[in-house]
Amino acid sequence: MHREFSDDEVKKRKKAIFDSMSPRRQKHILKRGYDKWDPFQEPKDPIDIRTEKTKRTSQVLVREFLQSRRANGYSNAYARGVLEICLGIVNNDERFIAMYEFSCWYRDLLKKEGHE
């Protein structure tokens, strides 16, 4: 949007957007710095179209995983858990990476000690 308008026009539009906001939101922007604020920045990709290393969306990963599981079905809690860890791993959230690494380690430990 910046390239389509002159600097003066961008400033006018920015001020108009700022003036139309609630006082609470204005205060939040002023706290961070009005000059740093860019109301024209492009939005991030929605979570449902982001892909990970295999070029699959989280929705596709979850569906493929759940279809590969029990033929007789699974609970809603199970499906929610799959979705939650999938989103965490795809978004590279340390908490979920730790859960994944622990799960892999624990599986290997069980195999090593003959429990599986």
PDB file of N, CA and C in Angstrom:
ATOM      1  N   MET A   1       0.826  -1.188   0.000  1.00  0.00           N
ATOM      2  CA  MET A   1       0.000   0.000   0.000  1.00  0.00           C
ATOM      3  C   MET A   1       0.872   1.255   0.000  1.00  0.00           C
ATOM      4  N   HIS A   2       2.055   1.180   0.576  1.00  0.00           N
ATOM      5  CA  HIS A   2       2.941   2.336   0.637  1.00  0.00           C
ATOM      6  C   HIS A   2       3.345   2.838  -0.749  1.00  0.00           C
ATOM      7  N   ARG A   3       3.582   1.930  -1.646  1.00  0.00           N
ATOM      8  CA  ARG A   3       4.101   2.307  -2.965  1.00  0.00           C
ATOM      9  C   ARG A   3       3.050   2.967  -3.853  1.00  0.00           C
ATOM     10  N   GLU A   4       1.801   2.718  -3.532  1.00  0.00           N
ATOM     11  CA  GLU A   4       0.721   3.254  -4.347  1.00  0.00           C
ATOM     12  C   GLU A   4       0.435   4.724  -4.052  1.00  0.00           C
ATOM     13  N   PHE A   5       0.893   5.206  -2.898  1.00  0.00           N
ATOM     14  CA  PHE A   5       0.557   6.560  -2.469  1.00  0.00           C
ATOM     15  C   PHE A   5       1.816   7.355  -2.144  1.00  0.00           C
ATOM     16  N   SER A   6       1.694   8.665  -2.232  1.00  0.00           N
ATOM     17  CA  SER A   6       2.808   9.537  -1.853  1.00  0.00           C
ATOM     18  C   SER A   6       2.995   9.490  -0.336  1.00  0.00           C
ATOM     19  N   ASP A   7       4.129   9.966   0.143  1.00  0.00           N
ATOM     20  CA  ASP A   7       4.405   9.980   1.584  1.00  0.00           C
ATOM     21  C   ASP A   7       3.347  10.775   2.339  1.00  0.00           C
ATOM     22  N   ASP A   8       2.928  11.912   1.769  1.00  0.00           N
ATOM     23  CA  ASP A   8       1.896  12.720   2.431  1.00  0.00           C
ATOM     24  C   ASP A   8       0.578  11.961   2.532  1.00  0.00           C
ATOM     25  N   GLU A   9       0.215  11.267   1.465  1.00  0.00           N
ATOM     26  CA  GLU A   9      -1.028  10.502   1.453  1.00  0.00           C
ATOM     27  C   GLU A   9      -0.969   9.366   2.482  1.00  0.00           C
ATOM     28  N   VAL A  10       0.179   8.693   2.576  1.00  0.00           N
ATOM     29  CA  VAL A  10       0.345   7.620   3.556  1.00  0.00           C
ATOM     30  C   VAL A  10       0.192   8.177   4.968  1.00  0.00           C
ATOM     31  N   LYS A  11       0.800   9.324   5.236  1.00  0.00           N
ATOM     32  CA  LYS A  11       0.696   9.954   6.556  1.00  0.00           C
ATOM     33  C   LYS A  11      -0.749  10.317   6.881  1.00  0.00           C
ATOM     34  N   LYS A  12      -1.477  10.853   5.892  1.00  0.00           N
ATOM     35  CA  LYS A  12      -2.877  11.216   6.106  1.00  0.00           C
ATOM     36  C   LYS A  12      -3.732   9.985   6.414  1.00  0.00           C
ATOM     37  N   ARG A  13      -3.492   8.921   5.653  1.00  0.00           N
ATOM     38  CA  ARG A  13      -4.255   7.688   5.864  1.00  0.00           C
ATOM     39  C   ARG A  13      -3.940   7.066   7.224  1.00  0.00           C
ATOM     40  N   LYS A  14      -2.655   7.094   7.590  1.00  0.00           N
ATOM     41  CA  LYS A  14      -2.232   6.568   8.880  1.00  0.00           C
ATOM     42  C   LYS A  14      -2.918   7.333  10.013  1.00  0.00           C
ATOM     43  N   LYS A  15      -2.934   8.648   9.912  1.00  0.00           N
ATOM     44  CA  LYS A  15      -3.565   9.483  10.936  1.00  0.00           C
ATOM     45  C   LYS A  15      -5.067   9.221  10.993  1.00  0.00           C
ATOM     46  N   ALA A  16      -5.689   9.065   9.834  1.00  0.00           N
ATOM     47  CA  ALA A  16      -7.129   8.792   9.800  1.00  0.00           C
ATOM     48  C   ALA A  16      -7.446   7.463  10.484  1.00  0.00           C
ATOM     49  N   ILE A  17      -6.629   6.463  10.239  1.00  0.00           N
ATOM     50  CA  ILE A  17      -6.825   5.163  10.887  1.00  0.00           C
ATOM     51  C   ILE A  17      -6.656   5.306  12.387  1.00  0.00           C
ATOM     52  N   PHE A  18      -5.594   5.995  12.789  1.00  0.00           N
ATOM     53  CA  PHE A  18      -5.310   6.202  14.213  1.00  0.00           C
ATOM     54  C   PHE A  18      -6.453   6.956  14.892  1.00  0.00           C
ATOM     55  N   ASP A  19      -6.926   8.027  14.254  1.00  0.00           N
ATOM     56  CA  ASP A  19      -8.005   8.836  14.833  1.00  0.00           C
ATOM     57  C   ASP A  19      -9.318   8.073  14.966  1.00  0.00           C
ATOM     58  N   SER A  20      -9.526   7.070  14.129  1.00  0.00           N
ATOM     59  CA  SER A  20     -10.777   6.313  14.178  1.00  0.00           C
ATOM     60  C   SER A  20     -10.743   5.204  15.229  1.00  0.00           C
ATOM     61  N   MET A  21      -9.592   4.996  15.851  1.00  0.00           N
ATOM     62  CA  MET A  21      -9.456   3.940  16.859  1.00  0.00           C
ATOM     63  C   MET A  21      -9.954   4.410  18.222  1.00  0.00           C
ATOM     64  N   SER A  22     -10.209   3.426  19.058  1.00  0.00           N
ATOM     65  CA  SER A  22     -10.617   3.742  20.434  1.00  0.00           C
ATOM     66  C   SER A  22      -9.431   4.343  21.193  1.00  0.00           C
ATOM     67  N   PRO A  23      -9.710   5.157  22.203  1.00  0.00           N
ATOM     68  CA  PRO A  23      -8.621   5.745  22.994  1.00  0.00           C
ATOM     69  C   PRO A  23      -7.695   4.685  23.601  1.00  0.00           C
ATOM     70  N   ARG A  24      -8.256   3.572  23.975  1.00  0.00           N
ATOM     71  CA  ARG A  24      -7.436   2.493  24.555  1.00  0.00           C
ATOM     72  C   ARG A  24      -6.435   1.956  23.530  1.00  0.00           C
ATOM     73  N   ARG A  25      -6.907   1.721  22.326  1.00  0.00           N
ATOM     74  CA  ARG A  25      -6.020   1.215  21.264  1.00  0.00           C
ATOM     75  C   ARG A  25      -4.979   2.275  20.890  1.00  0.00           C
ATOM     76  N   GLN A  26      -5.382   3.537  20.830  1.00  0.00           N
ATOM     77  CA  GLN A  26      -4.435   4.626  20.545  1.00  0.00           C
ATOM     78  C   GLN A  26      -3.325   4.659  21.586  1.00  0.00           C
ATOM     79  N   LYS A  27      -3.712   4.498  22.843  1.00  0.00           N
ATOM     80  CA  LYS A  27      -2.732   4.505  23.933  1.00  0.00           C
ATOM     81  C   LYS A  27      -1.729   3.373  23.754  1.00  0.00           C
ATOM     82  N   HIS A  28      -2.225   2.221  23.360  1.00  0.00           N
ATOM     83  CA  HIS A  28      -1.359   1.063  23.116  1.00  0.00           C
ATOM     84  C   HIS A  28      -0.345   1.355  22.006  1.00  0.00           C
ATOM     85  N   ILE A  29      -0.796   1.969  20.937  1.00  0.00           N
ATOM     86  CA  ILE A  29       0.091   2.313  19.815  1.00  0.00           C
ATOM     87  C   ILE A  29       1.107   3.366  20.243  1.00  0.00           C
ATOM     88  N   LEU A  30       0.661   4.379  20.962  1.00  0.00           N
ATOM     89  CA  LEU A  30       1.566   5.437  21.422  1.00  0.00           C
ATOM     90  C   LEU A  30       2.631   4.875  22.368  1.00  0.00           C
ATOM     91  N   LYS A  31       2.242   3.904  23.162  1.00  0.00           N
ATOM     92  CA  LYS A  31       3.182   3.265  24.083  1.00  0.00           C
ATOM     93  C   LYS A  31       4.315   2.575  23.314  1.00  0.00           C
ATOM     94  N   ARG A  32       3.984   1.943  22.212  1.00  0.00           N
ATOM     95  CA  ARG A  32       4.983   1.256  21.376  1.00  0.00           C
ATOM     96  C   ARG A  32       5.706   2.210  20.433  1.00  0.00           C
ATOM     97  N   GLY A  33       5.084   3.318  20.141  1.00  0.00           N
ATOM     98  CA  GLY A  33       5.674   4.315  19.245  1.00  0.00           C
ATOM     99  C   GLY A  33       4.871   4.477  17.972  1.00  0.00           C
ATOM    100  N   TYR A  34       4.288   5.633  17.812  1.00  0.00           N
ATOM    101  CA  TYR A  34       3.463   5.914  16.632  1.00  0.00           C
ATOM    102  C   TYR A  34       4.290   5.782  15.356  1.00  0.00           C
ATOM    103  N   ASP A  35       5.543   6.253  15.379  1.00  0.00           N
ATOM    104  CA  ASP A  35       6.389   6.191  14.185  1.00  0.00           C
ATOM    105  C   ASP A  35       6.695   4.763  13.760  1.00  0.00           C
ATOM    106  N   LYS A  36       6.766   3.846  14.731  1.00  0.00           N
ATOM    107  CA  LYS A  36       7.057   2.434  14.423  1.00  0.00           C
ATOM    108  C   LYS A  36       5.826   1.686  13.927  1.00  0.00           C
ATOM    109  N   TRP A  37       4.667   2.201  14.258  1.00  0.00           N
ATOM    110  CA  TRP A  37       3.416   1.537  13.926  1.00  0.00           C
ATOM    111  C   TRP A  37       3.159   1.607  12.429  1.00  0.00           C
ATOM    112  N   ASP A  38       2.844   0.446  11.834  1.00  0.00           N
ATOM    113  CA  ASP A  38       2.545   0.385  10.400  1.00  0.00           C
ATOM    114  C   ASP A  38       1.176  -0.258  10.210  1.00  0.00           C
ATOM    115  N   PRO A  39       0.134   0.557  10.033  1.00  0.00           N
ATOM    116  CA  PRO A  39      -1.199  -0.019   9.863  1.00  0.00           C
ATOM    117  C   PRO A  39      -1.401  -0.658   8.486  1.00  0.00           C
ATOM    118  N   PHE A  40      -0.419  -0.538   7.615  1.00  0.00           N
ATOM    119  CA  PHE A  40      -0.557  -1.059   6.253  1.00  0.00           C
ATOM    120  C   PHE A  40       0.213  -2.352   6.025  1.00  0.00           C
ATOM    121  N   GLN A  41       0.845  -2.903   7.078  1.00  0.00           N
ATOM    122  CA  GLN A  41       1.653  -4.100   6.871  1.00  0.00           C
ATOM    123  C   GLN A  41       0.780  -5.269   6.441  1.00  0.00           C
ATOM    124  N   GLU A  42       1.366  -6.158   5.670  1.00  0.00           N
ATOM    125  CA  GLU A  42       0.645  -7.314   5.165  1.00  0.00           C
ATOM    126  C   GLU A  42       0.352  -8.274   6.320  1.00  0.00           C
ATOM    127  N   PRO A  43      -0.821  -8.870   6.328  1.00  0.00           N
ATOM    128  CA  PRO A  43      -1.126  -9.835   7.387  1.00  0.00           C
ATOM    129  C   PRO A  43      -0.309 -11.112   7.199  1.00  0.00           C
ATOM    130  N   LYS A  44      -0.094 -11.835   8.283  1.00  0.00           N
ATOM    131  CA  LYS A  44       0.607 -13.108   8.217  1.00  0.00           C
ATOM    132  C   LYS A  44      -0.317 -14.133   7.595  1.00  0.00           C
ATOM    133  N   ASP A  45       0.285 -15.217   7.086  1.00  0.00           N
ATOM    134  CA  ASP A  45      -0.523 -16.290   6.524  1.00  0.00           C
ATOM    135  C   ASP A  45      -1.426 -16.865   7.604  1.00  0.00           C
ATOM    136  N   PRO A  46      -2.671 -17.104   7.269  1.00  0.00           N
ATOM    137  CA  PRO A  46      -3.533 -17.778   8.241  1.00  0.00           C
ATOM    138  C   PRO A  46      -2.957 -19.145   8.576  1.00  0.00           C
ATOM    139  N   ILE A  47      -3.177 -19.604   9.783  1.00  0.00           N
ATOM    140  CA  ILE A  47      -2.601 -20.865  10.242  1.00  0.00           C
ATOM    141  C   ILE A  47      -3.003 -22.030   9.349  1.00  0.00           C
ATOM    142  N   ASP A  48      -4.202 -21.982   8.771  1.00  0.00           N
ATOM    143  CA  ASP A  48      -4.659 -23.126   7.986  1.00  0.00           C
ATOM    144  C   ASP A  48      -3.986 -23.242   6.630  1.00  0.00           C
ATOM    145  N   ILE A  49      -3.246 -22.223   6.152  1.00  0.00           N
ATOM    146  CA  ILE A  49      -2.548 -22.377   4.880  1.00  0.00           C
ATOM    147  C   ILE A  49      -1.034 -22.417   5.049  1.00  0.00           C
ATOM    148  N   ARG A  50      -0.558 -22.322   6.284  1.00  0.00           N
ATOM    149  CA  ARG A  50       0.874 -22.476   6.524  1.00  0.00           C
ATOM    150  C   ARG A  50       1.239 -23.931   6.360  1.00  0.00           C
ATOM    151  N   THR A  51       2.404 -24.168   5.812  1.00  0.00           N
ATOM    152  CA  THR A  51       2.874 -25.532   5.646  1.00  0.00           C
ATOM    153  C   THR A  51       4.187 -25.715   6.385  1.00  0.00           C
ATOM    154  N   GLU A  52       4.548 -26.979   6.604  1.00  0.00           N
ATOM    155  CA  GLU A  52       5.793 -27.274   7.288  1.00  0.00           C
ATOM    156  C   GLU A  52       6.731 -27.961   6.307  1.00  0.00           C
ATOM    157  N   LYS A  53       7.758 -28.657   6.805  1.00  0.00           N
ATOM    158  CA  LYS A  53       8.818 -29.215   5.956  1.00  0.00           C
ATOM    159  C   LYS A  53       8.306 -30.152   4.869  1.00  0.00           C
ATOM    160  N   THR A  54       7.238 -30.889   5.143  1.00  0.00           N
ATOM    161  CA  THR A  54       6.710 -31.823   4.143  1.00  0.00           C
ATOM    162  C   THR A  54       5.742 -31.155   3.171  1.00  0.00           C
ATOM    163  N   LYS A  55       5.576 -29.842   3.317  1.00  0.00           N
ATOM    164  CA  LYS A  55       4.673 -29.035   2.478  1.00  0.00           C
ATOM    165  C   LYS A  55       3.207 -29.379   2.713  1.00  0.00           C
ATOM    166  N   ARG A  56       2.894 -29.885   3.902  1.00  0.00           N
ATOM    167  CA  ARG A  56       1.516 -30.169   4.267  1.00  0.00           C
ATOM    168  C   ARG A  56       1.045 -29.103   5.260  1.00  0.00           C
ATOM    169  N   THR A  57      -0.240 -28.823   5.232  1.00  0.00           N
ATOM    170  CA  THR A  57      -0.798 -27.933   6.242  1.00  0.00           C
ATOM    171  C   THR A  57      -1.028 -28.757   7.507  1.00  0.00           C
ATOM    172  N   SER A  58      -1.230 -28.065   8.613  1.00  0.00           N
ATOM    173  CA  SER A  58      -1.500 -28.769   9.861  1.00  0.00           C
ATOM    174  C   SER A  58      -2.784 -29.593   9.735  1.00  0.00           C
ATOM    175  N   GLN A  59      -3.755 -29.070   9.019  1.00  0.00           N
ATOM    176  CA  GLN A  59      -5.020 -29.792   8.829  1.00  0.00           C
ATOM    177  C   GLN A  59      -4.781 -31.122   8.101  1.00  0.00           C
ATOM    178  N   VAL A  60      -3.948 -31.098   7.073  1.00  0.00           N
ATOM    179  CA  VAL A  60      -3.645 -32.315   6.317  1.00  0.00           C
ATOM    180  C   VAL A  60      -2.884 -33.304   7.200  1.00  0.00           C
ATOM    181  N   LEU A  61      -1.899 -32.813   7.946  1.00  0.00           N
ATOM    182  CA  LEU A  61      -1.128 -33.689   8.837  1.00  0.00           C
ATOM    183  C   LEU A  61      -2.031 -34.385   9.848  1.00  0.00           C
ATOM    184  N   VAL A  62      -2.903 -33.612  10.478  1.00  0.00           N
ATOM    185  CA  VAL A  62      -3.802 -34.181  11.483  1.00  0.00           C
ATOM    186  C   VAL A  62      -4.713 -35.218  10.842  1.00  0.00           C
ATOM    187  N   ARG A  63      -5.295 -34.902   9.708  1.00  0.00           N
ATOM    188  CA  ARG A  63      -6.195 -35.843   9.036  1.00  0.00           C
ATOM    189  C   ARG A  63      -5.474 -37.129   8.660  1.00  0.00           C
ATOM    190  N   GLU A  64      -4.258 -37.011   8.079  1.00  0.00           N
ATOM    191  CA  GLU A  64      -3.496 -38.203   7.698  1.00  0.00           C
ATOM    192  C   GLU A  64      -3.156 -39.056   8.917  1.00  0.00           C
ATOM    193  N   PHE A  65      -2.738 -38.407  10.003  1.00  0.00           N
ATOM    194  CA  PHE A  65      -2.392 -39.143  11.211  1.00  0.00           C
ATOM    195  C   PHE A  65      -3.604 -39.877  11.779  1.00  0.00           C
ATOM    196  N   LEU A  66      -4.715 -39.155  11.934  1.00  0.00           N
ATOM    197  CA  LEU A  66      -5.894 -39.772  12.524  1.00  0.00           C
ATOM    198  C   LEU A  66      -6.430 -40.910  11.663  1.00  0.00           C
ATOM    199  N   GLN A  67      -6.327 -40.777  10.351  1.00  0.00           N
ATOM    200  CA  GLN A  67      -6.770 -41.856   9.467  1.00  0.00           C
ATOM    201  C   GLN A  67      -5.868 -43.084   9.581  1.00  0.00           C
ATOM    202  N   SER A  68      -4.599 -42.871   9.961  1.00  0.00           N
ATOM    203  CA  SER A  68      -3.669 -43.991  10.101  1.00  0.00           C
ATOM    204  C   SER A  68      -3.799 -44.686  11.460  1.00  0.00           C
ATOM    205  N   ARG A  69      -4.571 -44.122  12.347  1.00  0.00           N
ATOM    206  CA  ARG A  69      -4.743 -44.681  13.701  1.00  0.00           C
ATOM    207  C   ARG A  69      -5.832 -45.735  13.706  1.00  0.00           C
ATOM    208  N   ARG A  70      -6.449 -45.866  14.813  1.00  0.00           N
ATOM    209  CA  ARG A  70      -7.440 -46.915  15.070  1.00  0.00           C
ATOM    210  C   ARG A  70      -8.577 -46.933  14.045  1.00  0.00           C
ATOM    211  N   ALA A  71      -8.831 -48.114  13.537  1.00  0.00           N
ATOM    212  CA  ALA A  71      -9.916 -48.267  12.570  1.00  0.00           C
ATOM    213  C   ALA A  71     -11.276 -48.085  13.241  1.00  0.00           C
ATOM    214  N   ASN A  72     -11.347 -48.343  14.548  1.00  0.00           N
ATOM    215  CA  ASN A  72     -12.631 -48.248  15.243  1.00  0.00           C
ATOM    216  C   ASN A  72     -12.897 -46.867  15.832  1.00  0.00           C
ATOM    217  N   GLY A  73     -12.091 -45.886  15.477  1.00  0.00           N
ATOM    218  CA  GLY A  73     -12.335 -44.514  15.915  1.00  0.00           C
ATOM    219  C   GLY A  73     -11.418 -44.072  17.038  1.00  0.00           C
ATOM    220  N   TYR A  74     -11.627 -42.840  17.450  1.00  0.00           N
ATOM    221  CA  TYR A  74     -10.827 -42.220  18.496  1.00  0.00           C
ATOM    222  C   TYR A  74     -11.696 -41.166  19.161  1.00  0.00           C
ATOM    223  N   SER A  75     -11.307 -40.787  20.373  1.00  0.00           N
ATOM    224  CA  SER A  75     -12.107 -39.824  21.129  1.00  0.00           C
ATOM    225  C   SER A  75     -11.825 -38.397  20.669  1.00  0.00           C
ATOM    226  N   ASN A  76     -12.715 -37.499  21.070  1.00  0.00           N
ATOM    227  CA  ASN A  76     -12.498 -36.080  20.771  1.00  0.00           C
ATOM    228  C   ASN A  76     -11.253 -35.564  21.476  1.00  0.00           C
ATOM    229  N   ALA A  77     -11.003 -36.040  22.705  1.00  0.00           N
ATOM    230  CA  ALA A  77      -9.812 -35.613  23.453  1.00  0.00           C
ATOM    231  C   ALA A  77      -8.542 -36.036  22.714  1.00  0.00           C
ATOM    232  N   TYR A  78      -8.552 -37.232  22.149  1.00  0.00           N
ATOM    233  CA  TYR A  78      -7.410 -37.728  21.388  1.00  0.00           C
ATOM    234  C   TYR A  78      -7.164 -36.840  20.165  1.00  0.00           C
ATOM    235  N   ALA A  79      -8.225 -36.536  19.424  1.00  0.00           N
ATOM    236  CA  ALA A  79      -8.107 -35.694  18.230  1.00  0.00           C
ATOM    237  C   ALA A  79      -7.645 -34.287  18.584  1.00  0.00           C
ATOM    238  N   ARG A  80      -8.154 -33.729  19.707  1.00  0.00           N
ATOM    239  CA  ARG A  80      -7.714 -32.398  20.144  1.00  0.00           C
ATOM    240  C   ARG A  80      -6.231 -32.405  20.497  1.00  0.00           C
ATOM    241  N   GLY A  81      -5.777 -33.479  21.149  1.00  0.00           N
ATOM    242  CA  GLY A  81      -4.360 -33.609  21.491  1.00  0.00           C
ATOM    243  C   GLY A  81      -3.485 -33.648  20.252  1.00  0.00           C
ATOM    244  N   VAL A  82      -3.938 -34.378  19.241  1.00  0.00           N
ATOM    245  CA  VAL A  82      -3.194 -34.458  17.977  1.00  0.00           C
ATOM    246  C   VAL A  82      -3.111 -33.078  17.332  1.00  0.00           C
ATOM    247  N   LEU A  83      -4.231 -32.383  17.276  1.00  0.00           N
ATOM    248  CA  LEU A  83      -4.254 -31.053  16.676  1.00  0.00           C
ATOM    249  C   LEU A  83      -3.345 -30.096  17.443  1.00  0.00           C
ATOM    250  N   GLU A  84      -3.413 -30.136  18.779  1.00  0.00           N
ATOM    251  CA  GLU A  84      -2.626 -29.221  19.600  1.00  0.00           C
ATOM    252  C   GLU A  84      -1.127 -29.432  19.392  1.00  0.00           C
ATOM    253  N   ILE A  85      -0.670 -30.680  19.416  1.00  0.00           N
ATOM    254  CA  ILE A  85       0.762 -30.910  19.253  1.00  0.00           C
ATOM    255  C   ILE A  85       1.196 -30.650  17.815  1.00  0.00           C
ATOM    256  N   CYS A  86       0.322 -30.911  16.864  1.00  0.00           N
ATOM    257  CA  CYS A  86       0.642 -30.622  15.464  1.00  0.00           C
ATOM    258  C   CYS A  86       0.880 -29.128  15.272  1.00  0.00           C
ATOM    259  N   LEU A  87      -0.041 -28.314  15.770  1.00  0.00           N
ATOM    260  CA  LEU A  87       0.119 -26.861  15.640  1.00  0.00           C
ATOM    261  C   LEU A  87       1.376 -26.383  16.360  1.00  0.00           C
ATOM    262  N   GLY A  88       1.641 -26.948  17.529  1.00  0.00           N
ATOM    263  CA  GLY A  88       2.833 -26.575  18.280  1.00  0.00           C
ATOM    264  C   GLY A  88       4.119 -26.900  17.544  1.00  0.00           C
ATOM    265  N   ILE A  89       4.167 -28.080  16.949  1.00  0.00           N
ATOM    266  CA  ILE A  89       5.376 -28.485  16.218  1.00  0.00           C
ATOM    267  C   ILE A  89       5.521 -27.677  14.932  1.00  0.00           C
ATOM    268  N   VAL A  90       4.441 -27.515  14.185  1.00  0.00           N
ATOM    269  CA  VAL A  90       4.489 -26.747  12.938  1.00  0.00           C
ATOM    270  C   VAL A  90       4.926 -25.310  13.206  1.00  0.00           C
ATOM    271  N   ASN A  91       4.479 -24.741  14.338  1.00  0.00           N
ATOM    272  CA  ASN A  91       4.845 -23.368  14.697  1.00  0.00           C
ATOM    273  C   ASN A  91       6.166 -23.286  15.457  1.00  0.00           C
ATOM    274  N   ASN A  92       6.830 -24.413  15.592  1.00  0.00           N
ATOM    275  CA  ASN A  92       8.148 -24.492  16.233  1.00  0.00           C
ATOM    276  C   ASN A  92       8.114 -23.971  17.674  1.00  0.00           C
ATOM    277  N   ASP A  93       7.040 -24.278  18.379  1.00  0.00           N
ATOM    278  CA  ASP A  93       6.882 -23.881  19.782  1.00  0.00           C
ATOM    279  C   ASP A  93       7.731 -24.816  20.646  1.00  0.00           C
ATOM    280  N   GLU A  94       8.632 -24.247  21.441  1.00  0.00           N
ATOM    281  CA  GLU A  94       9.571 -25.048  22.240  1.00  0.00           C
ATOM    282  C   GLU A  94       8.870 -26.036  23.153  1.00  0.00           C
ATOM    283  N   ARG A  95       7.751 -25.658  23.700  1.00  0.00           N
ATOM    284  CA  ARG A  95       7.023 -26.555  24.605  1.00  0.00           C
ATOM    285  C   ARG A  95       6.644 -27.852  23.891  1.00  0.00           C
ATOM    286  N   PHE A  96       6.150 -27.728  22.669  1.00  0.00           N
ATOM    287  CA  PHE A  96       5.714 -28.911  21.924  1.00  0.00           C
ATOM    288  C   PHE A  96       6.898 -29.677  21.337  1.00  0.00           C
ATOM    289  N   ILE A  97       7.951 -28.976  20.982  1.00  0.00           N
ATOM    290  CA  ILE A  97       9.162 -29.654  20.522  1.00  0.00           C
ATOM    291  C   ILE A  97       9.700 -30.518  21.660  1.00  0.00           C
ATOM    292  N   ALA A  98       9.695 -29.984  22.887  1.00  0.00           N
ATOM    293  CA  ALA A  98      10.152 -30.752  24.060  1.00  0.00           C
ATOM    294  C   ALA A  98       9.279 -31.983  24.275  1.00  0.00           C
ATOM    295  N   MET A  99       7.952 -31.833  24.152  1.00  0.00           N
ATOM    296  CA  MET A  99       7.053 -32.979  24.323  1.00  0.00           C
ATOM    297  C   MET A  99       7.330 -34.049  23.267  1.00  0.00           C
ATOM    298  N   TYR A 100       7.555 -33.610  22.036  1.00  0.00           N
ATOM    299  CA  TYR A 100       7.855 -34.551  20.956  1.00  0.00           C
ATOM    300  C   TYR A 100       9.166 -35.283  21.218  1.00  0.00           C
ATOM    301  N   GLU A 101      10.210 -34.535  21.579  1.00  0.00           N
ATOM    302  CA  GLU A 101      11.511 -35.157  21.828  1.00  0.00           C
ATOM    303  C   GLU A 101      11.448 -36.112  23.010  1.00  0.00           C
ATOM    304  N   PHE A 102      10.734 -35.735  24.071  1.00  0.00           N
ATOM    305  CA  PHE A 102      10.584 -36.642  25.207  1.00  0.00           C
ATOM    306  C   PHE A 102       9.846 -37.908  24.781  1.00  0.00           C
ATOM    307  N   SER A 103       8.784 -37.761  24.005  1.00  0.00           N
ATOM    308  CA  SER A 103       8.009 -38.916  23.552  1.00  0.00           C
ATOM    309  C   SER A 103       8.869 -39.877  22.746  1.00  0.00           C
ATOM    310  N   CYS A 104       9.696 -39.342  21.857  1.00  0.00           N
ATOM    311  CA  CYS A 104      10.597 -40.190  21.069  1.00  0.00           C
ATOM    312  C   CYS A 104      11.606 -40.889  21.973  1.00  0.00           C
ATOM    313  N   TRP A 105      12.175 -40.145  22.909  1.00  0.00           N
ATOM    314  CA  TRP A 105      13.144 -40.704  23.845  1.00  0.00           C
ATOM    315  C   TRP A 105      12.508 -41.816  24.677  1.00  0.00           C
ATOM    316  N   TYR A 106      11.302 -41.574  25.164  1.00  0.00           N
ATOM    317  CA  TYR A 106      10.615 -42.548  26.009  1.00  0.00           C
ATOM    318  C   TYR A 106      10.257 -43.803  25.212  1.00  0.00           C
ATOM    319  N   ARG A 107       9.819 -43.652  23.990  1.00  0.00           N
ATOM    320  CA  ARG A 107       9.526 -44.807  23.129  1.00  0.00           C
ATOM    321  C   ARG A 107      10.772 -45.651  22.951  1.00  0.00           C
ATOM    322  N   ASP A 108      11.905 -44.985  22.668  1.00  0.00           N
ATOM    323  CA  ASP A 108      13.168 -45.710  22.499  1.00  0.00           C
ATOM    324  C   ASP A 108      13.589 -46.412  23.786  1.00  0.00           C
ATOM    325  N   LEU A 109      13.387 -45.774  24.932  1.00  0.00           N
ATOM    326  CA  LEU A 109      13.712 -46.368  26.228  1.00  0.00           C
ATOM    327  C   LEU A 109      12.880 -47.622  26.466  1.00  0.00           C
ATOM    328  N   LEU A 110      11.574 -47.536  26.186  1.00  0.00           N
ATOM    329  CA  LEU A 110      10.707 -48.704  26.347  1.00  0.00           C
ATOM    330  C   LEU A 110      11.162 -49.850  25.459  1.00  0.00           C
ATOM    331  N   LYS A 111      11.505 -49.572  24.218  1.00  0.00           N
ATOM    332  CA  LYS A 111      11.980 -50.617  23.307  1.00  0.00           C
ATOM    333  C   LYS A 111      13.280 -51.225  23.812  1.00  0.00           C
ATOM    334  N   LYS A 112      14.199 -50.353  24.220  1.00  0.00           N
ATOM    335  CA  LYS A 112      15.510 -50.801  24.701  1.00  0.00           C
ATOM    336  C   LYS A 112      15.381 -51.736  25.908  1.00  0.00           C
ATOM    337  N   GLU A 113      14.414 -51.445  26.779  1.00  0.00           N
ATOM    338  CA  GLU A 113      14.242 -52.240  27.990  1.00  0.00           C
ATOM    339  C   GLU A 113      13.226 -53.370  27.807  1.00  0.00           C
ATOM    340  N   GLY A 114      12.750 -53.560  26.567  1.00  0.00           N
ATOM    341  CA  GLY A 114      11.873 -54.690  26.266  1.00  0.00           C
ATOM    342  C   GLY A 114      10.431 -54.550  26.736  1.00  0.00           C
ATOM    343  N   HIS A 115       9.954 -53.339  26.878  1.00  0.00           N
ATOM    344  CA  HIS A 115       8.582 -53.121  27.345  1.00  0.00           C
ATOM    345  C   HIS A 115       7.570 -52.966  26.208  1.00  0.00           C
ATOM    346  N   GLU A 116       8.011 -53.004  24.994  1.00  0.00           N
ATOM    347  CA  GLU A 116       7.071 -52.870  23.868  1.00  0.00           C
ATOM    348  C   GLU A 116       7.015 -54.119  23.058  1.00  0.00           C
TER     349      GLU A 116
END
